[in-house]
């Protein structure tokens, strides 16, 4: 049973509420923007799929319908993320031969440089933040 204030996952969305497809589109847009903002956020790629899988596992009463919803939601999420951020990775692949532009990043950050000391860190903090 569901207590007061809890949502029944099998119930229809409330009038004027957000549907599952709309949530998937929002998730896809957020994932796409995250992939554009920082390369390390590529680690977020499996998170929506894990969340959708957990939803299916928790709601096994209508397994076939849930699998269809999972596939539709995954297509919406990853398709929208690809539309938003995919062009950047394709561009990198065409320019650098690597979708992540890893070699260029290493060249800019000085891969192989000496590890900073505590004094270097304090000096950087004073320079950046005036501490």
N, C-alpha and C. Protein backbone atom coordinates (compact mmCIF):
# COMPACT_ATOMS: atom_id res chain seq x y z
N UNK A 1 0.84 -1.18 0.00
CA UNK A 1 0.00 0.00 0.00
C UNK A 1 0.88 1.24 0.00
N UNK A 2 0.32 2.29 -0.50
CA UNK A 2 1.04 3.55 -0.56
C UNK A 2 0.46 4.48 0.48
N UNK A 3 1.33 5.10 1.25
CA UNK A 3 0.91 6.01 2.30
C UNK A 3 0.55 7.37 1.74
N UNK A 4 0.06 8.20 2.61
CA UNK A 4 -0.32 9.54 2.20
C UNK A 4 0.92 10.30 1.72
N UNK A 5 0.80 10.92 0.57
CA UNK A 5 1.90 11.70 0.03
C UNK A 5 2.84 10.90 -0.86
N UNK A 6 2.66 9.57 -0.90
CA UNK A 6 3.51 8.75 -1.75
C UNK A 6 2.82 8.55 -3.10
N UNK A 7 3.61 8.45 -4.14
CA UNK A 7 3.06 8.27 -5.47
C UNK A 7 2.99 6.80 -5.83
N UNK A 8 1.91 6.40 -6.40
CA UNK A 8 1.76 5.04 -6.90
C UNK A 8 2.35 5.02 -8.30
N UNK A 9 3.41 4.23 -8.55
CA UNK A 9 4.05 4.24 -9.86
C UNK A 9 3.15 3.74 -10.98
N UNK A 10 2.08 3.00 -10.67
CA UNK A 10 1.18 2.49 -11.69
C UNK A 10 0.05 3.47 -12.00
N UNK A 11 -0.07 4.51 -11.22
CA UNK A 11 -1.17 5.45 -11.45
C UNK A 11 -0.80 6.42 -12.56
N UNK A 12 -1.81 6.98 -13.16
CA UNK A 12 -1.61 7.97 -14.21
C UNK A 12 -1.08 9.25 -13.59
N UNK A 13 -0.32 10.04 -14.35
CA UNK A 13 0.17 11.30 -13.81
C UNK A 13 -1.00 12.23 -13.52
N UNK A 14 -0.85 13.08 -12.54
CA UNK A 14 -1.94 14.00 -12.22
C UNK A 14 -2.18 14.96 -13.37
N UNK A 15 -3.39 15.50 -13.46
CA UNK A 15 -3.66 16.47 -14.53
C UNK A 15 -2.68 17.63 -14.42
N UNK A 16 -2.06 17.97 -15.52
CA UNK A 16 -1.08 19.05 -15.51
C UNK A 16 0.27 18.61 -15.01
N UNK A 17 0.43 17.32 -14.66
CA UNK A 17 1.70 16.81 -14.15
C UNK A 17 2.63 16.44 -15.29
N UNK A 18 3.82 16.04 -14.94
CA UNK A 18 4.82 15.67 -15.93
C UNK A 18 4.73 14.18 -16.21
N UNK A 19 4.67 13.82 -17.48
CA UNK A 19 4.59 12.41 -17.87
C UNK A 19 5.97 11.78 -17.84
N UNK A 20 6.00 10.45 -17.96
CA UNK A 20 7.28 9.74 -17.98
C UNK A 20 8.14 10.17 -19.17
N UNK A 21 7.49 10.38 -20.31
CA UNK A 21 8.24 10.81 -21.49
C UNK A 21 8.83 12.19 -21.30
N UNK A 22 8.11 13.07 -20.62
CA UNK A 22 8.64 14.40 -20.34
C UNK A 22 9.82 14.32 -19.37
N UNK A 23 9.73 13.43 -18.37
CA UNK A 23 10.85 13.23 -17.46
C UNK A 23 12.06 12.70 -18.22
N UNK A 24 11.80 11.80 -19.16
CA UNK A 24 12.90 11.26 -19.97
C UNK A 24 13.54 12.37 -20.80
N UNK A 25 12.72 13.26 -21.37
CA UNK A 25 13.26 14.36 -22.17
C UNK A 25 14.07 15.32 -21.29
N UNK A 26 13.58 15.60 -20.10
CA UNK A 26 14.33 16.47 -19.18
C UNK A 26 15.66 15.81 -18.82
N UNK A 27 15.61 14.51 -18.52
CA UNK A 27 16.83 13.78 -18.17
C UNK A 27 17.82 13.78 -19.33
N UNK A 28 17.33 13.60 -20.54
CA UNK A 28 18.19 13.62 -21.71
C UNK A 28 18.83 14.98 -21.93
N UNK A 29 18.05 16.05 -21.72
CA UNK A 29 18.60 17.40 -21.88
C UNK A 29 19.67 17.67 -20.82
N UNK A 30 19.41 17.27 -19.59
CA UNK A 30 20.40 17.48 -18.52
C UNK A 30 21.66 16.66 -18.81
N UNK A 31 21.49 15.42 -19.25
CA UNK A 31 22.65 14.59 -19.57
C UNK A 31 23.44 15.19 -20.73
N UNK A 32 22.76 15.65 -21.75
CA UNK A 32 23.44 16.27 -22.88
C UNK A 32 24.21 17.51 -22.49
N UNK A 33 23.60 18.36 -21.67
CA UNK A 33 24.30 19.57 -21.20
C UNK A 33 25.48 19.21 -20.30
N UNK A 34 25.31 18.18 -19.49
CA UNK A 34 26.43 17.74 -18.63
C UNK A 34 27.60 17.25 -19.49
N UNK A 35 27.29 16.51 -20.55
CA UNK A 35 28.35 16.01 -21.43
C UNK A 35 29.06 17.14 -22.17
N UNK A 36 28.35 18.23 -22.41
CA UNK A 36 28.99 19.39 -23.05
C UNK A 36 29.83 20.19 -22.06
N UNK A 37 29.46 20.16 -20.79
CA UNK A 37 30.10 21.06 -19.83
C UNK A 37 31.45 20.55 -19.33
N UNK A 38 31.60 19.26 -19.16
CA UNK A 38 32.86 18.73 -18.62
C UNK A 38 33.04 17.29 -19.09
N UNK A 39 34.22 16.99 -19.59
CA UNK A 39 34.48 15.67 -20.17
C UNK A 39 34.36 14.56 -19.13
N UNK A 40 34.69 14.83 -17.87
CA UNK A 40 34.62 13.83 -16.83
C UNK A 40 33.20 13.36 -16.54
N UNK A 41 32.23 14.16 -16.95
CA UNK A 41 30.84 13.78 -16.72
C UNK A 41 30.36 12.71 -17.68
N UNK A 42 31.25 12.24 -18.54
CA UNK A 42 30.93 11.10 -19.39
C UNK A 42 30.66 9.87 -18.52
N UNK A 43 31.15 9.91 -17.28
CA UNK A 43 30.90 8.82 -16.33
C UNK A 43 29.42 8.73 -15.96
N UNK A 44 28.64 9.76 -16.25
CA UNK A 44 27.21 9.75 -15.96
C UNK A 44 26.40 8.96 -16.98
N UNK A 45 27.00 8.55 -18.08
CA UNK A 45 26.25 7.87 -19.14
C UNK A 45 25.44 6.67 -18.65
N UNK A 46 25.95 5.80 -17.78
CA UNK A 46 25.13 4.66 -17.37
C UNK A 46 24.06 4.98 -16.31
N UNK A 47 24.11 6.14 -15.70
CA UNK A 47 23.20 6.44 -14.59
C UNK A 47 21.72 6.38 -14.99
N UNK A 48 21.29 7.00 -16.10
CA UNK A 48 19.87 6.89 -16.46
C UNK A 48 19.44 5.46 -16.75
N UNK A 49 20.31 4.67 -17.37
CA UNK A 49 19.96 3.29 -17.67
C UNK A 49 19.82 2.47 -16.40
N UNK A 50 20.69 2.71 -15.42
CA UNK A 50 20.58 2.02 -14.13
C UNK A 50 19.28 2.41 -13.43
N UNK A 51 18.95 3.70 -13.45
CA UNK A 51 17.71 4.17 -12.83
C UNK A 51 16.49 3.54 -13.50
N UNK A 52 16.49 3.47 -14.82
CA UNK A 52 15.37 2.86 -15.53
C UNK A 52 15.29 1.37 -15.23
N UNK A 53 16.43 0.71 -15.15
CA UNK A 53 16.44 -0.71 -14.80
C UNK A 53 15.90 -0.97 -13.41
N UNK A 54 16.26 -0.12 -12.47
CA UNK A 54 15.72 -0.26 -11.10
C UNK A 54 14.21 -0.05 -11.08
N UNK A 55 13.73 0.87 -11.90
CA UNK A 55 12.28 1.10 -11.98
C UNK A 55 11.59 -0.17 -12.47
N UNK A 56 12.13 -0.82 -13.47
CA UNK A 56 11.53 -2.03 -14.01
C UNK A 56 11.57 -3.15 -12.97
N UNK A 57 12.68 -3.27 -12.27
CA UNK A 57 12.81 -4.33 -11.25
C UNK A 57 11.81 -4.12 -10.13
N UNK A 58 11.60 -2.87 -9.73
CA UNK A 58 10.67 -2.59 -8.63
C UNK A 58 9.21 -2.73 -9.05
N UNK A 59 8.92 -2.62 -10.32
CA UNK A 59 7.54 -2.67 -10.81
C UNK A 59 7.37 -3.84 -11.77
N UNK A 60 7.42 -5.05 -11.23
CA UNK A 60 7.40 -6.24 -12.07
C UNK A 60 5.99 -6.74 -12.37
N UNK A 61 4.96 -6.06 -11.90
CA UNK A 61 3.59 -6.54 -12.14
C UNK A 61 3.28 -6.58 -13.64
N UNK A 62 3.72 -5.58 -14.36
CA UNK A 62 3.45 -5.50 -15.79
C UNK A 62 4.80 -5.46 -16.51
N UNK A 63 5.50 -6.59 -16.48
CA UNK A 63 6.89 -6.64 -16.95
C UNK A 63 7.03 -6.22 -18.41
N UNK A 64 6.18 -6.73 -19.29
CA UNK A 64 6.30 -6.40 -20.71
C UNK A 64 6.09 -4.92 -20.94
N UNK A 65 5.07 -4.35 -20.31
CA UNK A 65 4.82 -2.92 -20.47
C UNK A 65 5.99 -2.10 -19.93
N UNK A 66 6.54 -2.53 -18.79
CA UNK A 66 7.67 -1.81 -18.21
C UNK A 66 8.90 -1.89 -19.11
N UNK A 67 9.13 -3.02 -19.77
CA UNK A 67 10.29 -3.10 -20.67
C UNK A 67 10.10 -2.18 -21.87
N UNK A 68 8.88 -2.10 -22.36
CA UNK A 68 8.61 -1.16 -23.47
C UNK A 68 8.84 0.28 -23.02
N UNK A 69 8.39 0.60 -21.81
CA UNK A 69 8.60 1.95 -21.28
C UNK A 69 10.09 2.22 -21.07
N UNK A 70 10.83 1.21 -20.61
CA UNK A 70 12.27 1.35 -20.41
C UNK A 70 12.97 1.67 -21.72
N UNK A 71 12.63 0.91 -22.76
CA UNK A 71 13.27 1.12 -24.05
C UNK A 71 12.91 2.49 -24.62
N UNK A 72 11.65 2.88 -24.52
CA UNK A 72 11.23 4.19 -25.01
C UNK A 72 11.92 5.30 -24.24
N UNK A 73 11.96 5.20 -22.92
CA UNK A 73 12.61 6.23 -22.10
C UNK A 73 14.10 6.29 -22.40
N UNK A 74 14.75 5.14 -22.55
CA UNK A 74 16.19 5.13 -22.86
C UNK A 74 16.45 5.77 -24.22
N UNK A 75 15.61 5.48 -25.19
CA UNK A 75 15.77 6.11 -26.51
C UNK A 75 15.61 7.61 -26.44
N UNK A 76 14.64 8.07 -25.66
CA UNK A 76 14.43 9.51 -25.51
C UNK A 76 15.62 10.15 -24.81
N UNK A 77 16.05 9.56 -23.70
CA UNK A 77 17.15 10.13 -22.91
C UNK A 77 18.43 10.19 -23.73
N UNK A 78 18.85 9.05 -24.25
CA UNK A 78 20.14 9.01 -24.95
C UNK A 78 20.07 9.67 -26.32
N UNK A 79 18.91 9.62 -26.96
CA UNK A 79 18.76 10.32 -28.24
C UNK A 79 18.87 11.82 -28.08
N UNK A 80 18.22 12.36 -27.06
CA UNK A 80 18.30 13.80 -26.82
C UNK A 80 19.70 14.22 -26.37
N UNK A 81 20.32 13.40 -25.54
CA UNK A 81 21.71 13.69 -25.13
C UNK A 81 22.63 13.69 -26.34
N UNK A 82 22.41 12.75 -27.27
CA UNK A 82 23.22 12.70 -28.49
C UNK A 82 22.98 13.93 -29.35
N UNK A 83 21.73 14.36 -29.46
CA UNK A 83 21.44 15.57 -30.24
C UNK A 83 22.10 16.81 -29.64
N UNK A 84 22.13 16.88 -28.32
CA UNK A 84 22.68 18.07 -27.66
C UNK A 84 24.20 18.04 -27.65
N UNK A 85 24.81 16.91 -27.30
CA UNK A 85 26.26 16.88 -27.10
C UNK A 85 27.03 16.11 -28.17
N UNK A 86 26.34 15.32 -28.96
CA UNK A 86 27.03 14.46 -29.91
C UNK A 86 27.87 15.21 -30.92
N UNK A 87 27.39 16.38 -31.33
CA UNK A 87 28.14 17.14 -32.33
C UNK A 87 29.55 17.47 -31.85
N UNK A 88 29.71 17.72 -30.55
CA UNK A 88 31.01 18.08 -30.01
C UNK A 88 32.00 16.92 -30.12
N UNK A 89 31.53 15.72 -29.79
CA UNK A 89 32.39 14.54 -29.86
C UNK A 89 32.70 14.17 -31.30
N UNK A 90 31.76 14.36 -32.21
CA UNK A 90 32.01 14.13 -33.63
C UNK A 90 33.03 15.13 -34.15
N UNK A 91 32.91 16.38 -33.74
CA UNK A 91 33.87 17.42 -34.14
C UNK A 91 35.27 17.06 -33.66
N UNK A 92 35.38 16.66 -32.40
CA UNK A 92 36.69 16.26 -31.87
C UNK A 92 37.27 15.09 -32.65
N UNK A 93 36.45 14.14 -33.00
CA UNK A 93 36.90 12.97 -33.74
C UNK A 93 37.42 13.39 -35.12
N UNK A 94 36.70 14.31 -35.76
CA UNK A 94 37.14 14.77 -37.08
C UNK A 94 38.42 15.60 -36.99
N UNK A 95 38.53 16.45 -35.98
CA UNK A 95 39.71 17.31 -35.87
C UNK A 95 40.93 16.60 -35.33
N UNK A 96 40.75 15.77 -34.30
CA UNK A 96 41.87 15.20 -33.57
C UNK A 96 41.99 13.69 -33.69
N UNK A 97 41.01 13.04 -34.30
CA UNK A 97 41.04 11.58 -34.39
C UNK A 97 40.68 10.91 -33.08
N UNK A 98 40.12 11.65 -32.15
CA UNK A 98 39.78 11.13 -30.83
C UNK A 98 38.56 11.91 -30.33
N UNK A 99 37.44 11.24 -30.02
CA UNK A 99 36.25 11.98 -29.60
C UNK A 99 36.43 12.76 -28.30
N UNK A 100 37.37 12.36 -27.46
CA UNK A 100 37.58 13.05 -26.19
C UNK A 100 38.69 14.10 -26.27
N UNK A 101 39.41 14.16 -27.40
CA UNK A 101 40.53 15.08 -27.59
C UNK A 101 41.54 14.94 -26.44
N UNK A 102 41.84 13.72 -26.10
CA UNK A 102 42.67 13.41 -24.94
C UNK A 102 44.10 13.95 -25.09
N UNK A 103 44.71 13.75 -26.26
CA UNK A 103 46.10 14.21 -26.45
C UNK A 103 46.19 15.73 -26.35
N UNK A 104 45.21 16.43 -26.89
CA UNK A 104 45.22 17.90 -26.83
C UNK A 104 45.05 18.36 -25.39
N UNK A 105 44.21 17.67 -24.63
CA UNK A 105 44.02 18.02 -23.23
C UNK A 105 45.31 17.81 -22.46
N UNK A 106 45.99 16.71 -22.72
CA UNK A 106 47.26 16.44 -22.03
C UNK A 106 48.30 17.50 -22.39
N UNK A 107 48.33 17.93 -23.65
CA UNK A 107 49.29 18.96 -24.06
C UNK A 107 49.00 20.28 -23.37
N UNK A 108 47.73 20.62 -23.21
CA UNK A 108 47.37 21.88 -22.56
C UNK A 108 47.61 21.85 -21.05
N UNK A 109 47.41 20.71 -20.43
CA UNK A 109 47.56 20.63 -18.97
C UNK A 109 48.96 20.27 -18.55
N UNK A 110 49.81 19.94 -19.49
CA UNK A 110 51.19 19.62 -19.14
C UNK A 110 51.33 18.24 -18.57
N UNK A 111 50.84 17.24 -19.27
CA UNK A 111 50.97 15.87 -18.80
C UNK A 111 52.44 15.53 -18.61
N UNK A 112 52.76 14.89 -17.54
CA UNK A 112 54.13 14.51 -17.24
C UNK A 112 54.88 15.57 -16.44
N UNK A 113 54.21 16.63 -16.04
CA UNK A 113 54.89 17.67 -15.26
C UNK A 113 55.08 17.21 -13.81
N UNK A 114 55.87 17.94 -13.09
CA UNK A 114 56.17 17.60 -11.70
C UNK A 114 54.93 17.85 -10.84
N UNK A 115 54.68 16.94 -9.91
CA UNK A 115 53.55 17.08 -9.01
C UNK A 115 53.74 18.30 -8.11
N UNK A 116 52.71 19.17 -7.99
CA UNK A 116 52.86 20.37 -7.16
C UNK A 116 53.04 20.02 -5.69
N UNK A 117 53.77 20.86 -5.00
CA UNK A 117 53.98 20.68 -3.56
C UNK A 117 52.93 21.49 -2.81
N UNK A 118 52.93 21.35 -1.49
CA UNK A 118 52.01 22.12 -0.66
C UNK A 118 52.27 23.62 -0.83
N UNK A 119 53.53 24.00 -0.94
CA UNK A 119 53.86 25.41 -1.15
C UNK A 119 53.31 25.93 -2.48
N UNK A 120 53.37 25.11 -3.52
CA UNK A 120 52.80 25.50 -4.81
C UNK A 120 51.29 25.70 -4.68
N UNK A 121 50.64 24.79 -3.95
CA UNK A 121 49.19 24.88 -3.76
C UNK A 121 48.82 26.15 -3.01
N UNK A 122 49.51 26.44 -1.91
CA UNK A 122 49.22 27.65 -1.13
C UNK A 122 49.46 28.89 -1.98
N UNK A 123 50.55 28.91 -2.74
CA UNK A 123 50.83 30.05 -3.62
C UNK A 123 49.73 30.24 -4.66
N UNK A 124 49.23 29.15 -5.22
CA UNK A 124 48.14 29.24 -6.19
C UNK A 124 46.87 29.77 -5.53
N UNK A 125 46.57 29.31 -4.31
CA UNK A 125 45.37 29.79 -3.62
C UNK A 125 45.46 31.28 -3.31
N UNK A 126 46.64 31.74 -2.91
CA UNK A 126 46.82 33.17 -2.64
C UNK A 126 46.66 33.95 -3.93
N UNK A 127 47.23 33.45 -5.00
CA UNK A 127 47.11 34.14 -6.28
C UNK A 127 45.71 34.16 -6.83
N UNK A 128 44.97 33.07 -6.66
CA UNK A 128 43.62 32.98 -7.23
C UNK A 128 42.58 33.65 -6.35
N UNK A 129 42.66 33.45 -5.06
CA UNK A 129 41.60 33.88 -4.18
C UNK A 129 42.02 35.00 -3.21
N UNK A 130 43.26 35.39 -3.25
CA UNK A 130 43.72 36.47 -2.38
C UNK A 130 43.74 36.10 -0.90
N UNK A 131 43.96 34.84 -0.62
CA UNK A 131 43.96 34.40 0.78
C UNK A 131 45.26 34.73 1.46
